[in-house]
Each structure stands twice: as structure tokens, then as C-alpha cells.
PDB file of N, CA and C in Angstrom:
ATOM      1  N   MET A   1      61.600 212.495 126.820  1.00  0.00           N
ATOM      2  CA  MET A   1      61.102 213.842 126.328  1.00  0.00           C
ATOM      3  C   MET A   1      60.079 213.793 125.113  1.00  0.00           C
ATOM      4  N   LYS A   2      60.418 212.792 124.211  1.00  0.00           N
ATOM      5  CA  LYS A   2      59.546 212.617 123.131  1.00  0.00           C
ATOM      6  C   LYS A   2      58.299 211.887 123.627  1.00  0.00           C
ATOM      7  N   ASP A   3      58.237 211.178 124.598  1.00  0.00           N
ATOM      8  CA  ASP A   3      57.003 210.580 125.079  1.00  0.00           C
ATOM      9  C   ASP A   3      56.066 211.693 125.646  1.00  0.00           C
ATOM     10  N   LEU A   4      56.719 212.644 126.316  1.00  0.00           N
ATOM     11  CA  LEU A   4      55.970 213.768 126.811  1.00  0.00           C
ATOM     12  C   LEU A   4      55.334 214.617 125.845  1.00  0.00           C
ATOM     13  N   PHE A   5      55.999 214.815 124.763  1.00  0.00           N
ATOM     14  CA  PHE A   5      55.358 215.635 123.544  1.00  0.00           C
ATOM     15  C   PHE A   5      54.482 214.813 122.917  1.00  0.00           C
ATOM     16  N   ARG A   6      54.542 213.636 122.815  1.00  0.00           N
ATOM     17  CA  ARG A   6      53.565 212.676 122.179  1.00  0.00           C
ATOM     18  C   ARG A   6      52.270 212.657 122.915  1.00  0.00           C
ATOM     19  N   ARG A   7      52.342 212.555 124.318  1.00  0.00           N
ATOM     20  CA  ARG A   7      51.158 212.561 125.162  1.00  0.00           C
ATOM     21  C   ARG A   7      50.409 213.931 125.020  1.00  0.00           C
ATOM     22  N   LEU A   8      51.306 215.113 125.114  1.00  0.00           N
ATOM     23  CA  LEU A   8      50.656 216.376 125.070  1.00  0.00           C
ATOM     24  C   LEU A   8      49.973 216.602 123.805  1.00  0.00           C
ATOM     25  N   LYS A   9      50.574 216.243 122.616  1.00  0.00           N
ATOM     26  CA  LYS A   9      49.992 216.274 121.391  1.00  0.00           C
ATOM     27  C   LYS A   9      48.590 215.496 121.421  1.00  0.00           C
ATOM     28  N   SER A  10      48.582 214.339 121.750  1.00  0.00           N
ATOM     29  CA  SER A  10      47.442 213.398 121.694  1.00  0.00           C
ATOM     30  C   SER A  10      46.310 214.011 122.656  1.00  0.00           C
ATOM     31  N   TRP A  11      46.734 214.579 123.788  1.00  0.00           N
ATOM     32  CA  TRP A  11      45.690 215.322 124.785  1.00  0.00           C
ATOM     33  C   TRP A  11      45.152 216.500 124.036  1.00  0.00           C
ATOM     34  N   LEU A  12      45.940 217.315 123.453  1.00  0.00           N
ATOM     35  CA  LEU A  12      45.506 218.426 122.678  1.00  0.00           C
ATOM     36  C   LEU A  12      44.554 218.022 121.366  1.00  0.00           C
ATOM     37  N   GLN A  13      44.896 217.027 120.659  1.00  0.00           N
ATOM     38  CA  GLN A  13      44.002 216.487 119.622  1.00  0.00           C
ATOM     39  C   GLN A  13      42.699 216.117 120.169  1.00  0.00           C
ATOM     40  N   GLY A  14      42.546 215.641 121.426  1.00  0.00           N
ATOM     41  CA  GLY A  14      41.440 215.087 121.917  1.00  0.00           C
ATOM     42  C   GLY A  14      40.453 216.156 122.293  1.00  0.00           C
ATOM     43  N   LEU A  15      40.942 217.480 122.422  1.00  0.00           N
ATOM     44  CA  LEU A  15      39.979 218.568 122.698  1.00  0.00           C
ATOM     45  C   LEU A  15      39.009 218.899 121.554  1.00  0.00           C
ATOM     46  N   SER A  16      37.851 219.633 121.806  1.00  0.00           N
ATOM     47  CA  SER A  16      36.773 219.889 120.898  1.00  0.00           C
ATOM     48  C   SER A  16      37.255 220.821 119.746  1.00  0.00           C
ATOM     49  N   PHE A  17      36.491 220.971 118.773  1.00  0.00           N
ATOM     50  CA  PHE A  17      36.557 221.707 117.626  1.00  0.00           C
ATOM     51  C   PHE A  17      36.546 223.201 118.076  1.00  0.00           C
ATOM     52  N   ARG A  18      35.491 223.428 118.983  1.00  0.00           N
ATOM     53  CA  ARG A  18      35.240 224.810 119.506  1.00  0.00           C
ATOM     54  C   ARG A  18      36.483 225.262 120.315  1.00  0.00           C
ATOM     55  N   THR A  19      37.023 224.406 121.163  1.00  0.00           N
ATOM     56  CA  THR A  19      38.244 224.842 121.897  1.00  0.00           C
ATOM     57  C   THR A  19      39.239 225.159 121.114  1.00  0.00           C
ATOM     58  N   GLY A  20      39.399 224.472 120.015  1.00  0.00           N
ATOM     59  CA  GLY A  20      40.441 224.679 118.955  1.00  0.00           C
ATOM     60  C   GLY A  20      40.481 225.963 118.441  1.00  0.00           C
ATOM     61  N   VAL A  21      39.163 226.297 118.025  1.00  0.00           N
ATOM     62  CA  VAL A  21      38.936 227.676 117.298  1.00  0.00           C
ATOM     63  C   VAL A  21      39.119 228.906 118.346  1.00  0.00           C
ATOM     64  N   ILE A  22      38.822 228.732 119.596  1.00  0.00           N
ATOM     65  CA  ILE A  22      38.904 229.676 120.676  1.00  0.00           C
ATOM     66  C   ILE A  22      40.542 229.905 120.881  1.00  0.00           C
ATOM     67  N   VAL A  23      41.246 228.847 120.955  1.00  0.00           N
ATOM     68  CA  VAL A  23      42.678 228.830 121.245  1.00  0.00           C
ATOM     69  C   VAL A  23      43.413 229.445 120.036  1.00  0.00           C
ATOM     70  N   LEU A  24      42.947 229.102 118.842  1.00  0.00           N
ATOM     71  CA  LEU A  24      43.556 229.704 117.625  1.00  0.00           C
ATOM     72  C   LEU A  24      43.181 231.106 117.547  1.00  0.00           C
ATOM     73  N   SER A  25      42.031 231.559 117.834  1.00  0.00           N
ATOM     74  CA  SER A  25      41.572 233.053 117.786  1.00  0.00           C
ATOM     75  C   SER A  25      42.471 233.795 118.927  1.00  0.00           C
ATOM     76  N   LEU A  26      42.918 233.191 119.910  1.00  0.00           N
ATOM     77  CA  LEU A  26      43.676 233.992 120.935  1.00  0.00           C
ATOM     78  C   LEU A  26      44.982 234.473 120.335  1.00  0.00           C
ATOM     79  N   CYS A  27      45.549 233.870 119.430  1.00  0.00           N
ATOM     80  CA  CYS A  27      46.818 234.254 118.793  1.00  0.00           C
ATOM     81  C   CYS A  27      46.692 235.720 118.238  1.00  0.00           C
ATOM     82  N   ILE A  28      45.519 236.016 117.692  1.00  0.00           N
ATOM     83  CA  ILE A  28      45.422 237.441 117.160  1.00  0.00           C
ATOM     84  C   ILE A  28      45.658 238.520 118.071  1.00  0.00           C
ATOM     85  N   PRO A  29      44.911 238.537 119.267  1.00  0.00           N
ATOM     86  CA  PRO A  29      45.447 239.727 120.195  1.00  0.00           C
ATOM     87  C   PRO A  29      46.843 239.602 120.619  1.00  0.00           C
ATOM     88  N   PHE A  30      47.338 238.350 120.837  1.00  0.00           N
ATOM     89  CA  PHE A  30      48.768 238.254 121.034  1.00  0.00           C
ATOM     90  C   PHE A  30      49.774 239.016 120.030  1.00  0.00           C
ATOM     91  N   TYR A  31      49.428 238.664 118.760  1.00  0.00           N
ATOM     92  CA  TYR A  31      50.345 239.228 117.725  1.00  0.00           C
ATOM     93  C   TYR A  31      50.183 240.686 117.884  1.00  0.00           C
ATOM     94  N   LEU A  32      48.971 241.239 117.908  1.00  0.00           N
ATOM     95  CA  LEU A  32      48.623 242.765 117.880  1.00  0.00           C
ATOM     96  C   LEU A  32      49.362 243.358 119.001  1.00  0.00           C
ATOM     97  N   LEU A  33      49.385 242.788 120.291  1.00  0.00           N
ATOM     98  CA  LEU A  33      49.972 243.205 121.513  1.00  0.00           C
ATOM     99  C   LEU A  33      51.437 243.167 121.276  1.00  0.00           C
ATOM    100  N   SER A  34      52.098 242.265 120.686  1.00  0.00           N
ATOM    101  CA  SER A  34      53.364 242.091 120.409  1.00  0.00           C
ATOM    102  C   SER A  34      54.056 243.146 119.665  1.00  0.00           C
ATOM    103  N   PHE A  35      53.276 243.714 118.733  1.00  0.00           N
ATOM    104  CA  PHE A  35      53.819 244.857 118.056  1.00  0.00           C
ATOM    105  C   PHE A  35      53.297 246.192 118.463  1.00  0.00           C
ATOM    106  N   ALA A  36      52.087 246.178 119.037  1.00  0.00           N
ATOM    107  CA  ALA A  36      51.707 247.556 119.624  1.00  0.00           C
ATOM    108  C   ALA A  36      52.565 247.865 120.879  1.00  0.00           C
ATOM    109  N   GLN A  37      53.094 247.022 121.540  1.00  0.00           N
ATOM    110  CA  GLN A  37      53.856 247.441 122.881  1.00  0.00           C
ATOM    111  C   GLN A  37      55.012 248.386 122.307  1.00  0.00           C
ATOM    112  N   MET A  38      55.515 248.291 120.994  1.00  0.00           N
ATOM    113  CA  MET A  38      56.692 249.184 120.572  1.00  0.00           C
ATOM    114  C   MET A  38      56.259 250.650 120.783  1.00  0.00           C
ATOM    115  N   LEU A  39      55.081 250.995 120.863  1.00  0.00           N
ATOM    116  CA  LEU A  39      54.632 252.461 120.997  1.00  0.00           C
ATOM    117  C   LEU A  39      54.610 252.889 122.437  1.00  0.00           C
ATOM    118  N   LEU A  40      54.942 251.979 123.317  1.00  0.00           N
ATOM    119  CA  LEU A  40      55.017 252.419 124.724  1.00  0.00           C
ATOM    120  C   LEU A  40      56.224 253.055 125.031  1.00  0.00           C
ATOM    121  N   PRO A  41      56.194 254.088 125.864  1.00  0.00           N
ATOM    122  CA  PRO A  41      57.426 254.736 126.148  1.00  0.00           C
ATOM    123  C   PRO A  41      58.257 254.139 127.353  1.00  0.00           C
ATOM    124  N   ILE A  42      58.856 253.011 126.993  1.00  0.00           N
ATOM    125  CA  ILE A  42      59.700 252.286 127.991  1.00  0.00           C
ATOM    126  C   ILE A  42      61.023 251.975 127.190  1.00  0.00           C
ATOM    127  N   SER A  43      61.947 251.377 127.975  1.00  0.00           N
ATOM    128  CA  SER A  43      63.149 251.148 127.564  1.00  0.00           C
ATOM    129  C   SER A  43      63.273 250.041 126.277  1.00  0.00           C
ATOM    130  N   ALA A  44      64.415 250.103 125.646  1.00  0.00           N
ATOM    131  CA  ALA A  44      64.503 249.159 124.521  1.00  0.00           C
ATOM    132  C   ALA A  44      64.463 247.737 125.105  1.00  0.00           C
ATOM    133  N   GLY A  45      65.180 247.527 126.226  1.00  0.00           N
ATOM    134  CA  GLY A  45      65.218 246.221 126.818  1.00  0.00           C
ATOM    135  C   GLY A  45      63.916 245.696 127.195  1.00  0.00           C
ATOM    136  N   ALA A  46      63.163 246.533 127.905  1.00  0.00           N
ATOM    137  CA  ALA A  46      61.930 246.208 128.278  1.00  0.00           C
ATOM    138  C   ALA A  46      60.815 245.826 127.115  1.00  0.00           C
ATOM    139  N   LYS A  47      61.046 246.631 125.965  1.00  0.00           N
ATOM    140  CA  LYS A  47      60.300 246.329 124.854  1.00  0.00           C
ATOM    141  C   LYS A  47      60.742 244.973 124.171  1.00  0.00           C
ATOM    142  N   SER A  48      61.985 244.705 124.253  1.00  0.00           N
ATOM    143  CA  SER A  48      62.527 243.382 123.720  1.00  0.00           C
ATOM    144  C   SER A  48      61.881 242.222 124.373  1.00  0.00           C
ATOM    145  N   VAL A  49      61.765 242.336 125.761  1.00  0.00           N
ATOM    146  CA  VAL A  49      61.348 241.322 126.569  1.00  0.00           C
ATOM    147  C   VAL A  49      59.870 241.135 126.299  1.00  0.00           C
ATOM    148  N   LEU A  50      59.199 242.172 126.274  1.00  0.00           N
ATOM    149  CA  LEU A  50      57.749 242.120 126.019  1.00  0.00           C
ATOM    150  C   LEU A  50      57.434 241.499 124.582  1.00  0.00           C
ATOM    151  N   TRP A  51      58.263 241.905 123.684  1.00  0.00           N
ATOM    152  CA  TRP A  51      58.027 241.321 122.261  1.00  0.00           C
ATOM    153  C   TRP A  51      58.214 239.952 122.361  1.00  0.00           C
ATOM    154  N   VAL A  52      59.319 239.359 122.870  1.00  0.00           N
ATOM    155  CA  VAL A  52      59.536 238.092 123.013  1.00  0.00           C
ATOM    156  C   VAL A  52      58.548 237.095 123.691  1.00  0.00           C
ATOM    157  N   VAL A  53      58.137 237.677 124.850  1.00  0.00           N
ATOM    158  CA  VAL A  53      57.005 236.983 125.665  1.00  0.00           C
ATOM    159  C   VAL A  53      55.651 236.938 124.749  1.00  0.00           C
ATOM    160  N   LEU A  54      55.357 238.094 124.262  1.00  0.00           N
ATOM    161  CA  LEU A  54      53.956 238.214 123.648  1.00  0.00           C
ATOM    162  C   LEU A  54      53.905 237.482 122.231  1.00  0.00           C
ATOM    163  N   PHE A  55      54.968 237.593 121.597  1.00  0.00           N
ATOM    164  CA  PHE A  55      55.249 236.804 120.321  1.00  0.00           C
ATOM    165  C   PHE A  55      55.292 235.330 120.576  1.00  0.00           C
ATOM    166  N   GLY A  56      55.930 234.851 121.586  1.00  0.00           N
ATOM    167  CA  GLY A  56      55.968 233.535 121.873  1.00  0.00           C
ATOM    168  C   GLY A  56      54.529 232.970 122.354  1.00  0.00           C
ATOM    169  N   LEU A  57      53.825 233.812 123.074  1.00  0.00           N
ATOM    170  CA  LEU A  57      52.496 233.507 123.308  1.00  0.00           C
ATOM    171  C   LEU A  57      51.561 233.405 122.128  1.00  0.00           C
ATOM    172  N   ALA A  58      51.758 234.171 121.103  1.00  0.00           N
ATOM    173  CA  ALA A  58      50.946 234.259 119.883  1.00  0.00           C
ATOM    174  C   ALA A  58      51.362 232.828 119.079  1.00  0.00           C
ATOM    175  N   LYS A  59      52.572 232.631 118.968  1.00  0.00           N
ATOM    176  CA  LYS A  59      53.020 231.331 118.250  1.00  0.00           C
ATOM    177  C   LYS A  59      52.522 230.023 118.930  1.00  0.00           C
ATOM    178  N   THR A  60      52.567 230.185 120.353  1.00  0.00           N
ATOM    179  CA  THR A  60      52.152 229.005 121.160  1.00  0.00           C
ATOM    180  C   THR A  60      50.698 228.831 121.074  1.00  0.00           C
ATOM    181  N   THR A  61      49.895 229.764 121.140  1.00  0.00           N
ATOM    182  CA  THR A  61      48.417 229.625 120.857  1.00  0.00           C
ATOM    183  C   THR A  61      48.136 229.247 119.445  1.00  0.00           C
ATOM    184  N   GLN A  62      48.819 229.789 118.468  1.00  0.00           N
ATOM    185  CA  GLN A  62      48.680 229.449 117.122  1.00  0.00           C
ATOM    186  C   GLN A  62      48.835 227.737 116.779  1.00  0.00           C
ATOM    187  N   TYR A  63      50.074 227.440 117.304  1.00  0.00           N
ATOM    188  CA  TYR A  63      50.297 226.093 117.039  1.00  0.00           C
ATOM    189  C   TYR A  63      49.455 225.106 117.918  1.00  0.00           C
ATOM    190  N   ALA A  64      49.149 225.678 119.166  1.00  0.00           N
ATOM    191  CA  ALA A  64      48.193 224.667 119.908  1.00  0.00           C
ATOM    192  C   ALA A  64      46.943 224.614 119.298  1.00  0.00           C
ATOM    193  N   GLY A  65      46.397 225.722 118.807  1.00  0.00           N
ATOM    194  CA  GLY A  65      44.980 225.749 118.124  1.00  0.00           C
ATOM    195  C   GLY A  65      45.070 224.876 116.828  1.00  0.00           C
ATOM    196  N   ILE A  66      46.053 224.875 116.029  1.00  0.00           N
ATOM    197  CA  ILE A  66      46.216 224.075 114.824  1.00  0.00           C
ATOM    198  C   ILE A  66      46.348 222.688 115.239  1.00  0.00           C
ATOM    199  N   THR A  67      46.944 222.343 116.258  1.00  0.00           N
ATOM    200  CA  THR A  67      47.003 221.050 116.715  1.00  0.00           C
ATOM    201  C   THR A  67      45.748 220.494 117.212  1.00  0.00           C
ATOM    202  N   ILE A  68      45.021 221.299 117.954  1.00  0.00           N
ATOM    203  CA  ILE A  68      43.695 221.009 118.442  1.00  0.00           C
ATOM    204  C   ILE A  68      42.702 220.525 117.362  1.00  0.00           C
ATOM    205  N   LEU A  69      42.826 221.460 116.290  1.00  0.00           N
ATOM    206  CA  LEU A  69      41.858 221.437 115.212  1.00  0.00           C
ATOM    207  C   LEU A  69      42.181 220.164 114.336  1.00  0.00           C
ATOM    208  N   GLY A  70      43.516 220.000 114.135  1.00  0.00           N
ATOM    209  CA  GLY A  70      43.989 218.958 113.082  1.00  0.00           C
ATOM    210  C   GLY A  70      43.532 219.261 111.672  1.00  0.00           C
ATOM    211  N   VAL A  71      43.807 218.450 110.761  1.00  0.00           N
ATOM    212  CA  VAL A  71      43.539 218.593 109.465  1.00  0.00           C
ATOM    213  C   VAL A  71      42.011 218.831 109.060  1.00  0.00           C
ATOM    214  N   GLU A  72      41.288 217.899 109.571  1.00  0.00           N
ATOM    215  CA  GLU A  72      39.836 217.807 109.357  1.00  0.00           C
ATOM    216  C   GLU A  72      39.181 219.186 109.818  1.00  0.00           C
ATOM    217  N   GLY A  73      39.551 219.471 111.062  1.00  0.00           N
ATOM    218  CA  GLY A  73      39.064 220.739 111.868  1.00  0.00           C
ATOM    219  C   GLY A  73      39.459 221.963 111.014  1.00  0.00           C
ATOM    220  N   TYR A  74      40.705 222.031 110.649  1.00  0.00           N
ATOM    221  CA  TYR A  74      41.219 223.196 109.629  1.00  0.00           C
ATOM    222  C   TYR A  74      40.307 223.209 108.549  1.00  0.00           C
ATOM    223  N   ARG A  75      40.098 222.252 107.845  1.00  0.00           N
ATOM    224  CA  ARG A  75      39.349 222.219 106.658  1.00  0.00           C
ATOM    225  C   ARG A  75      37.862 222.817 106.883  1.00  0.00           C
ATOM    226  N   ARG A  76      37.352 222.237 108.121  1.00  0.00           N
ATOM    227  CA  ARG A  76      36.005 222.620 108.484  1.00  0.00           C
ATOM    228  C   ARG A  76      35.903 224.211 108.767  1.00  0.00           C
ATOM    229  N   LEU A  77      36.898 224.647 109.500  1.00  0.00           N
ATOM    230  CA  LEU A  77      36.991 226.021 109.789  1.00  0.00           C
ATOM    231  C   LEU A  77      37.137 226.795 108.525  1.00  0.00           C
ATOM    232  N   LYS A  78      38.069 226.512 107.581  1.00  0.00           N
ATOM    233  CA  LYS A  78      38.230 227.183 106.573  1.00  0.00           C
ATOM    234  C   LYS A  78      37.022 227.196 105.529  1.00  0.00           C
ATOM    235  N   SER A  79      36.187 226.088 105.463  1.00  0.00           N
ATOM    236  CA  SER A  79      34.942 226.224 104.691  1.00  0.00           C
ATOM    237  C   SER A  79      33.959 227.085 105.376  1.00  0.00           C
ATOM    238  N   ARG A  80      33.919 227.171 106.651  1.00  0.00           N
ATOM    239  CA  ARG A  80      33.044 228.038 107.305  1.00  0.00           C
ATOM    240  C   ARG A  80      33.256 229.448 107.058  1.00  0.00           C
ATOM    241  N   LEU A  81      34.550 229.826 107.051  1.00  0.00           N
ATOM    242  CA  LEU A  81      34.918 231.219 106.844  1.00  0.00           C
ATOM    243  C   LEU A  81      34.636 231.516 105.326  1.00  0.00           C
ATOM    244  N   ARG A  82      34.915 230.659 104.374  1.00  0.00           N
ATOM    245  CA  ARG A  82      34.604 230.803 102.967  1.00  0.00           C
ATOM    246  C   ARG A  82      33.077 230.931 102.729  1.00  0.00           C
ATOM    247  N   ARG A  83      32.315 230.185 103.360  1.00  0.00           N
ATOM    248  CA  ARG A  83      30.862 230.299 103.235  1.00  0.00           C
ATOM    249  C   ARG A  83      30.392 231.686 103.756  1.00  0.00           C
ATOM    250  N   ARG A  84      30.868 232.197 104.909  1.00  0.00           N
ATOM    251  CA  ARG A  84      30.433 233.403 105.551  1.00  0.00           C
ATOM    252  C   ARG A  84      30.969 234.615 104.748  1.00  0.00           C
ATOM    253  N   LYS A  85      32.131 234.540 104.005  1.00  0.00           N
ATOM    254  CA  LYS A  85      32.632 235.528 103.178  1.00  0.00           C
ATOM    255  C   LYS A  85      31.815 235.628 101.927  1.00  0.00           C
ATOM    256  N   GLU A  86      31.325 234.418 101.352  1.00  0.00           N
ATOM    257  CA  GLU A  86      30.510 234.424 100.082  1.00  0.00           C
ATOM    258  C   GLU A  86      29.183 234.985 100.403  1.00  0.00           C
ATOM    259  N   ALA A  87      28.657 234.581 101.541  1.00  0.00           N
ATOM    260  CA  ALA A  87      27.245 234.997 102.005  1.00  0.00           C
ATOM    261  C   ALA A  87      27.335 236.673 102.221  1.00  0.00           C
ATOM    262  N   SER A  88      28.460 237.196 102.693  1.00  0.00           N
ATOM    263  CA  SER A  88      28.442 238.577 102.944  1.00  0.00           C
ATOM    264  C   SER A  88      28.692 239.316 101.629  1.00  0.00           C
ATOM    265  N   SER A  89      29.239 238.707 100.707  1.00  0.00           N
ATOM    266  CA  SER A  89      29.514 239.455  99.239  1.00  0.00           C
ATOM    267  C   SER A  89      28.333 239.544  98.403  1.00  0.00           C
ATOM    268  N   LEU A  90      27.344 238.441  98.670  1.00  0.00           N
ATOM    269  CA  LEU A  90      26.145 238.472  97.908  1.00  0.00           C
ATOM    270  C   LEU A  90      25.291 239.689  98.220  1.00  0.00           C
ATOM    271  N   PRO A  91      24.594 240.228  97.259  1.00  0.00           N
ATOM    272  CA  PRO A  91      23.685 241.369  97.634  1.00  0.00           C
ATOM    273  C   PRO A  91      22.423 240.738  98.244  1.00  0.00           C
ATOM    274  N   SER A  92      21.911 241.449  99.285  1.00  0.00           N
ATOM    275  CA  SER A  92      20.696 240.999 100.065  1.00  0.00           C
ATOM    276  C   SER A  92      19.461 241.348  99.215  1.00  0.00           C
ATOM    277  N   GLN A  93      18.400 240.647  99.528  1.00  0.00           N
ATOM    278  CA  GLN A  93      17.129 240.914  98.878  1.00  0.00           C
ATOM    279  C   GLN A  93      16.656 242.258  98.990  1.00  0.00           C
ATOM    280  N   ALA A  94      17.028 242.985 100.117  1.00  0.00           N
ATOM    281  CA  ALA A  94      16.653 244.395 100.488  1.00  0.00           C
ATOM    282  C   ALA A  94      17.224 245.360  99.510  1.00  0.00           C
ATOM    283  N   ASP A  95      18.450 245.053  98.930  1.00  0.00           N
ATOM    284  CA  ASP A  95      19.193 245.915  98.064  1.00  0.00           C
ATOM    285  C   ASP A  95      18.510 245.915  96.727  1.00  0.00           C
ATOM    286  N   GLU A  96      17.780 244.832  96.279  1.00  0.00           N
ATOM    287  CA  GLU A  96      17.293 244.537  94.967  1.00  0.00           C
ATOM    288  C   GLU A  96      16.226 245.509  94.710  1.00  0.00           C
ATOM    289  N   PRO A  97      16.075 246.134  93.558  1.00  0.00           N
ATOM    290  CA  PRO A  97      14.969 246.979  93.128  1.00  0.00           C
ATOM    291  C   PRO A  97      13.584 246.113  92.858  1.00  0.00           C
ATOM    292  N   ASN A  98      12.518 246.660  93.137  1.00  0.00           N
ATOM    293  CA  ASN A  98      11.164 246.039  92.881  1.00  0.00           C
ATOM    294  C   ASN A  98      10.777 246.152  91.432  1.00  0.00           C
TER     295      ASN A  98
END
């Protein structure tokens, strides 16, 4: 069983940065759906099953995305997001008075 997990991990780490970002971003809708389904007019048992399935998918995509990215990919993604945030917080030249 350990060998299977090792092979799966090495296969996931061999995927591209872009694939890792896509898989990691898939966890967001699964998290939203796992809690939004509480508003549905269905039985508590069905809500529990939906929550477990959707929350499990969210965690699975989160950990798979992190595994695909690895440490360097995570740093790369974090720096890109930080640069984008800094660029959006700076006033543009159109906002400056002449």
C-alpha cells in the first residue's frame, strides 16, 4: 500500500504547474457547495451525505493541488498572487491629477 501511495505522489508531482493551479482552484467551488447545500430543503441525512462527499472532494483537490505544485510551485503561486495584489492596490496613472 505504501508503494502505491509513493507512486501516486511521484506521478502527481510530475504534472505541470498549471495543472496544479487548476486542481487547487477546484477546491473553492467544492468548499462553497459543501456548505451551500445546507440551504436545500432536503432531509438531514441527505445533507450529511452531501456534506461529507463535497467536503471530501474539496480536501482531495486541495491536497492533490498542493502535491502537484510542491514547495517551489507553492512559492511561485504565492509570489504571483502577491504581485497581483500589490499591482491592484497601486493607483493607476489615470487616477493621478495633471
